[in-house]
Amino acid sequence: MFNYLYADVFTLFFNPTLQKEATRQLEAGYVGDVQITQGFILVFAVLMETAIAMVLLSRILNYTANRWANIIAGVFHTAFVGWSLIGDTWPNLFYAFFTIIEVACTLFIVWYAWRWPNPKPKLNRVTNMKVITPTQFEAPEDLQLTDIEKPAKTRI
């Protein structure tokens, strides 16, 4: 979340060439070619609040809702960063750096949430018993094969 904020602050304050032009554009009610409207500000507010809300939601939502919330939020944030690169001017090196970090992090969140294993075992709907796959089965350590179960030696 702070990455988004830092990138915007750096763009406004640490780029002397764009600082005067950005100030003129902001005073005229524009950011680049986009007019600043109530809807525009709402999109930014939603962007910031989803990042903040996901910290809480990731702790309180159940597995399925948490997984999908992380996937949707990650895709939304990745798309927004991609959209912010569209424009007449190529971003500064620091903005490109922030963008790479933001996209890498949000894509990792999407990938990680997509691959989350379900922490609860699946139940058979008919018998309501836990279903164990062969990769989940572990034999007890004290399990010993008896003489009867051992393969017999053949004599010729």
C-alpha atoms as a PDB file:
ATOM      1  CA  MET A   1       0.000   0.000   0.000  1.00  0.00           C
ATOM      2  CA  PHE A   2       2.775   2.446   0.866  1.00  0.00           C
ATOM      3  CA  ASN A   3       4.405   1.694  -2.478  1.00  0.00           C
ATOM      4  CA  TYR A   4       1.488   3.417  -4.240  1.00  0.00           C
ATOM      5  CA  LEU A   5       1.742   6.426  -1.962  1.00  0.00           C
ATOM      6  CA  TYR A   6       5.525   6.712  -2.208  1.00  0.00           C
ATOM      7  CA  ALA A   7       5.471   6.517  -5.998  1.00  0.00           C
ATOM      8  CA  ASP A   8       2.967   9.385  -6.185  1.00  0.00           C
ATOM      9  CA  VAL A   9       4.800  11.506  -3.606  1.00  0.00           C
ATOM     10  CA  PHE A  10       8.134  10.985  -5.362  1.00  0.00           C
ATOM     11  CA  THR A  11       6.559  11.920  -8.679  1.00  0.00           C
ATOM     12  CA  LEU A  12       5.224  15.195  -7.281  1.00  0.00           C
ATOM     13  CA  PHE A  13       8.176  16.260  -5.141  1.00  0.00           C
ATOM     14  CA  PHE A  14      11.393  14.754  -6.456  1.00  0.00           C
ATOM     15  CA  ASN A  15      11.130  15.388 -10.167  1.00  0.00           C
ATOM     16  CA  PRO A  16      11.893  19.080 -10.806  1.00  0.00           C
ATOM     17  CA  THR A  17      10.971  18.842 -14.495  1.00  0.00           C
ATOM     18  CA  LEU A  18       7.500  17.452 -13.855  1.00  0.00           C
ATOM     19  CA  GLN A  19       6.896  19.321 -10.618  1.00  0.00           C
ATOM     20  CA  LYS A  20       5.861  22.610 -12.234  1.00  0.00           C
ATOM     21  CA  GLU A  21       3.816  20.911 -14.942  1.00  0.00           C
ATOM     22  CA  ALA A  22       2.177  18.528 -12.448  1.00  0.00           C
ATOM     23  CA  THR A  23       1.268  21.462 -10.210  1.00  0.00           C
ATOM     24  CA  ARG A  24      -0.290  23.325 -13.150  1.00  0.00           C
ATOM     25  CA  GLN A  25      -2.228  20.221 -14.179  1.00  0.00           C
ATOM     26  CA  LEU A  26      -3.486  19.604 -10.629  1.00  0.00           C
ATOM     27  CA  GLU A  27      -4.607  23.224 -10.331  1.00  0.00           C
ATOM     28  CA  ALA A  28      -6.483  22.833 -13.628  1.00  0.00           C
ATOM     29  CA  GLY A  29      -8.136  19.673 -12.286  1.00  0.00           C
ATOM     30  CA  TYR A  30      -6.189  17.086 -14.294  1.00  0.00           C
ATOM     31  CA  VAL A  31      -3.720  14.301 -13.655  1.00  0.00           C
ATOM     32  CA  GLY A  32      -2.061  13.739 -16.995  1.00  0.00           C
ATOM     33  CA  ASP A  33      -4.920  13.508 -19.484  1.00  0.00           C
ATOM     34  CA  VAL A  34      -7.475  12.410 -16.873  1.00  0.00           C
ATOM     35  CA  GLN A  35      -9.830  14.926 -15.320  1.00  0.00           C
ATOM     36  CA  ILE A  36     -10.057  14.759 -11.527  1.00  0.00           C
ATOM     37  CA  THR A  37     -13.687  14.020 -10.668  1.00  0.00           C
ATOM     38  CA  GLN A  38     -15.537  12.531  -7.706  1.00  0.00           C
ATOM     39  CA  GLY A  39     -15.367   9.141  -9.440  1.00  0.00           C
ATOM     40  CA  PHE A  40     -11.628   9.469 -10.028  1.00  0.00           C
ATOM     41  CA  ILE A  41     -11.011  10.198  -6.340  1.00  0.00           C
ATOM     42  CA  LEU A  42     -13.345   7.331  -5.380  1.00  0.00           C
ATOM     43  CA  VAL A  43     -11.229   4.893  -7.420  1.00  0.00           C
ATOM     44  CA  PHE A  44      -8.124   6.014  -5.519  1.00  0.00           C
ATOM     45  CA  ALA A  45      -9.954   5.722  -2.205  1.00  0.00           C
ATOM     46  CA  VAL A  46     -11.089   2.183  -3.061  1.00  0.00           C
ATOM     47  CA  LEU A  47      -7.539   1.295  -4.089  1.00  0.00           C
ATOM     48  CA  MET A  48      -6.110   2.445  -0.766  1.00  0.00           C
ATOM     49  CA  GLU A  49      -8.903   0.963   1.337  1.00  0.00           C
ATOM     50  CA  THR A  50      -8.746  -2.468  -0.303  1.00  0.00           C
ATOM     51  CA  ALA A  51      -5.066  -2.700   0.605  1.00  0.00           C
ATOM     52  CA  ILE A  52      -5.859  -1.756   4.206  1.00  0.00           C
ATOM     53  CA  ALA A  53      -8.957  -3.979   4.413  1.00  0.00           C
ATOM     54  CA  MET A  54      -7.116  -7.032   3.068  1.00  0.00           C
ATOM     55  CA  VAL A  55      -4.881  -7.047   6.144  1.00  0.00           C
ATOM     56  CA  LEU A  56      -7.947  -7.545   8.345  1.00  0.00           C
ATOM     57  CA  LEU A  57      -9.950  -9.673   5.911  1.00  0.00           C
ATOM     58  CA  SER A  58      -7.077 -12.119   5.422  1.00  0.00           C
ATOM     59  CA  ARG A  59      -7.253 -12.893   9.136  1.00  0.00           C
ATOM     60  CA  ILE A  60     -11.029 -13.197   9.593  1.00  0.00           C
ATOM     61  CA  LEU A  61     -12.467 -14.630   6.370  1.00  0.00           C
ATOM     62  CA  ASN A  62     -12.943 -18.357   5.892  1.00  0.00           C
ATOM     63  CA  TYR A  63     -10.745 -20.241   3.417  1.00  0.00           C
ATOM     64  CA  THR A  64     -12.860 -19.807   0.264  1.00  0.00           C
ATOM     65  CA  ALA A  65     -13.788 -16.161   0.831  1.00  0.00           C
ATOM     66  CA  ASN A  66     -10.219 -15.295   1.841  1.00  0.00           C
ATOM     67  CA  ARG A  67      -8.780 -16.988  -1.223  1.00  0.00           C
ATOM     68  CA  TRP A  68     -11.132 -15.214  -3.650  1.00  0.00           C
ATOM     69  CA  ALA A  69     -10.795 -11.850  -1.888  1.00  0.00           C
ATOM     70  CA  ASN A  70      -7.007 -12.032  -2.274  1.00  0.00           C
ATOM     71  CA  ILE A  71      -7.260 -13.062  -5.926  1.00  0.00           C
ATOM     72  CA  ILE A  72      -9.732 -10.281  -6.773  1.00  0.00           C
ATOM     73  CA  ALA A  73      -7.820  -7.608  -4.815  1.00  0.00           C
ATOM     74  CA  GLY A  74      -4.522  -8.687  -6.387  1.00  0.00           C
ATOM     75  CA  VAL A  75      -5.941  -8.577  -9.917  1.00  0.00           C
ATOM     76  CA  PHE A  76      -7.564  -5.188  -9.210  1.00  0.00           C
ATOM     77  CA  HIS A  77      -4.330  -3.679  -7.914  1.00  0.00           C
ATOM     78  CA  THR A  78      -2.258  -5.160 -10.761  1.00  0.00           C
ATOM     79  CA  ALA A  79      -4.716  -3.791 -13.342  1.00  0.00           C
ATOM     80  CA  PHE A  80      -4.675  -0.382 -11.693  1.00  0.00           C
ATOM     81  CA  VAL A  81      -0.875  -0.182 -11.780  1.00  0.00           C
ATOM     82  CA  GLY A  82      -0.932  -1.210 -15.441  1.00  0.00           C
ATOM     83  CA  TRP A  83      -3.538   1.473 -16.157  1.00  0.00           C
ATOM     84  CA  SER A  84      -1.376   4.098 -14.412  1.00  0.00           C
ATOM     85  CA  LEU A  85       1.393   3.490 -16.970  1.00  0.00           C
ATOM     86  CA  ILE A  86      -0.830   4.537 -19.866  1.00  0.00           C
ATOM     87  CA  GLY A  87      -0.151   8.103 -20.879  1.00  0.00           C
ATOM     88  CA  ASP A  88       1.961  10.467 -22.912  1.00  0.00           C
ATOM     89  CA  THR A  89       5.080  10.422 -20.765  1.00  0.00           C
ATOM     90  CA  TRP A  90       7.276   7.475 -19.911  1.00  0.00           C
ATOM     91  CA  PRO A  91       7.628   7.063 -16.138  1.00  0.00           C
ATOM     92  CA  ASN A  92      10.807   8.002 -14.282  1.00  0.00           C
ATOM     93  CA  LEU A  93      13.251   5.348 -13.177  1.00  0.00           C
ATOM     94  CA  PHE A  94      11.992   5.478  -9.591  1.00  0.00           C
ATOM     95  CA  TYR A  95       8.387   5.142 -10.787  1.00  0.00           C
ATOM     96  CA  ALA A  96       9.359   2.162 -12.951  1.00  0.00           C
ATOM     97  CA  PHE A  97      11.049   0.638  -9.887  1.00  0.00           C
ATOM     98  CA  PHE A  98       7.929   1.126  -7.741  1.00  0.00           C
ATOM     99  CA  THR A  99       5.790  -0.294 -10.550  1.00  0.00           C
ATOM    100  CA  ILE A 100       7.909  -3.431 -10.834  1.00  0.00           C
ATOM    101  CA  ILE A 101       7.695  -4.007  -7.079  1.00  0.00           C
ATOM    102  CA  GLU A 102       3.928  -3.379  -7.006  1.00  0.00           C
ATOM    103  CA  VAL A 103       3.192  -5.689  -9.938  1.00  0.00           C
ATOM    104  CA  ALA A 104       5.504  -8.411  -8.616  1.00  0.00           C
ATOM    105  CA  CYS A 105       3.868  -8.302  -5.174  1.00  0.00           C
ATOM    106  CA  THR A 106       0.280  -8.261  -6.401  1.00  0.00           C
ATOM    107  CA  LEU A 107       0.914 -11.038  -8.934  1.00  0.00           C
ATOM    108  CA  PHE A 108       2.584 -13.083  -6.193  1.00  0.00           C
ATOM    109  CA  ILE A 109      -0.507 -12.589  -3.992  1.00  0.00           C
ATOM    110  CA  VAL A 110      -2.750 -13.811  -6.834  1.00  0.00           C
ATOM    111  CA  TRP A 111      -0.511 -16.822  -7.555  1.00  0.00           C
ATOM    112  CA  TYR A 112      -0.137 -17.702  -3.869  1.00  0.00           C
ATOM    113  CA  ALA A 113      -3.872 -17.414  -3.171  1.00  0.00           C
ATOM    114  CA  TRP A 114      -4.659 -19.494  -6.254  1.00  0.00           C
ATOM    115  CA  ARG A 115      -2.421 -22.314  -4.988  1.00  0.00           C
ATOM    116  CA  TRP A 116      -3.525 -22.253  -1.325  1.00  0.00           C
ATOM    117  CA  PRO A 117      -4.311 -25.759  -0.164  1.00  0.00           C
ATOM    118  CA  ASN A 118      -7.588 -26.177   1.657  1.00  0.00           C
ATOM    119  CA  PRO A 119      -6.712 -26.579   5.364  1.00  0.00           C
ATOM    120  CA  LYS A 120      -9.798 -28.666   6.116  1.00  0.00           C
ATOM    121  CA  PRO A 121     -10.025 -32.261   4.921  1.00  0.00           C
ATOM    122  CA  LYS A 122     -12.658 -33.072   2.366  1.00  0.00           C
ATOM    123  CA  LEU A 123     -15.564 -35.187   3.573  1.00  0.00           C
ATOM    124  CA  ASN A 124     -17.286 -37.831   1.522  1.00  0.00           C
ATOM    125  CA  ARG A 125     -20.837 -36.553   1.011  1.00  0.00           C
ATOM    126  CA  VAL A 126     -22.365 -40.018   1.308  1.00  0.00           C
ATOM    127  CA  THR A 127     -20.531 -41.367   4.361  1.00  0.00           C
ATOM    128  CA  ASN A 128     -19.492 -38.020   5.894  1.00  0.00           C
ATOM    129  CA  MET A 129     -16.037 -39.510   6.453  1.00  0.00           C
ATOM    130  CA  LYS A 130     -12.678 -37.902   5.815  1.00  0.00           C
ATOM    131  CA  VAL A 131     -11.292 -38.686   2.374  1.00  0.00           C
ATOM    132  CA  ILE A 132      -7.572 -39.465   2.348  1.00  0.00           C
ATOM    133  CA  THR A 133      -5.610 -39.443  -0.844  1.00  0.00           C
ATOM    134  CA  PRO A 134      -2.618 -41.781  -1.184  1.00  0.00           C
ATOM    135  CA  THR A 135      -0.196 -38.861  -0.817  1.00  0.00           C
ATOM    136  CA  GLN A 136      -1.790 -37.898   2.516  1.00  0.00           C
ATOM    137  CA  PHE A 137      -1.654 -41.404   4.029  1.00  0.00           C
ATOM    138  CA  GLU A 138       1.139 -42.034   6.484  1.00  0.00           C
ATOM    139  CA  ALA A 139       1.650 -45.423   8.053  1.00  0.00           C
ATOM    140  CA  PRO A 140       2.149 -45.487  11.814  1.00  0.00           C
ATOM    141  CA  GLU A 141       5.774 -45.817  12.867  1.00  0.00           C
ATOM    142  CA  ASP A 142       5.113 -48.943  14.927  1.00  0.00           C
ATOM    143  CA  LEU A 143       3.502 -50.783  12.006  1.00  0.00           C
ATOM    144  CA  GLN A 144       5.458 -53.983  11.396  1.00  0.00           C
ATOM    145  CA  LEU A 145       4.834 -56.619   8.801  1.00  0.00           C
ATOM    146  CA  THR A 146       4.226 -60.006  10.382  1.00  0.00           C
ATOM    147  CA  ASP A 147       5.781 -63.195   9.120  1.00  0.00           C
ATOM    148  CA  ILE A 148       2.536 -64.083   7.393  1.00  0.00           C
ATOM    149  CA  GLU A 149       2.512 -60.812   5.420  1.00  0.00           C
ATOM    150  CA  LYS A 150       6.170 -61.064   4.425  1.00  0.00           C
ATOM    151  CA  PRO A 151       6.807 -62.580   1.029  1.00  0.00           C
ATOM    152  CA  ALA A 152       7.757 -66.241   1.317  1.00  0.00           C
ATOM    153  CA  LYS A 153      11.153 -67.385   0.170  1.00  0.00           C
ATOM    154  CA  THR A 154      10.843 -69.925  -2.547  1.00  0.00           C
ATOM    155  CA  ARG A 155      13.066 -73.001  -2.643  1.00  0.00           C
ATOM    156  CA  ILE A 156      14.013 -74.633  -5.831  1.00  0.00           C
END
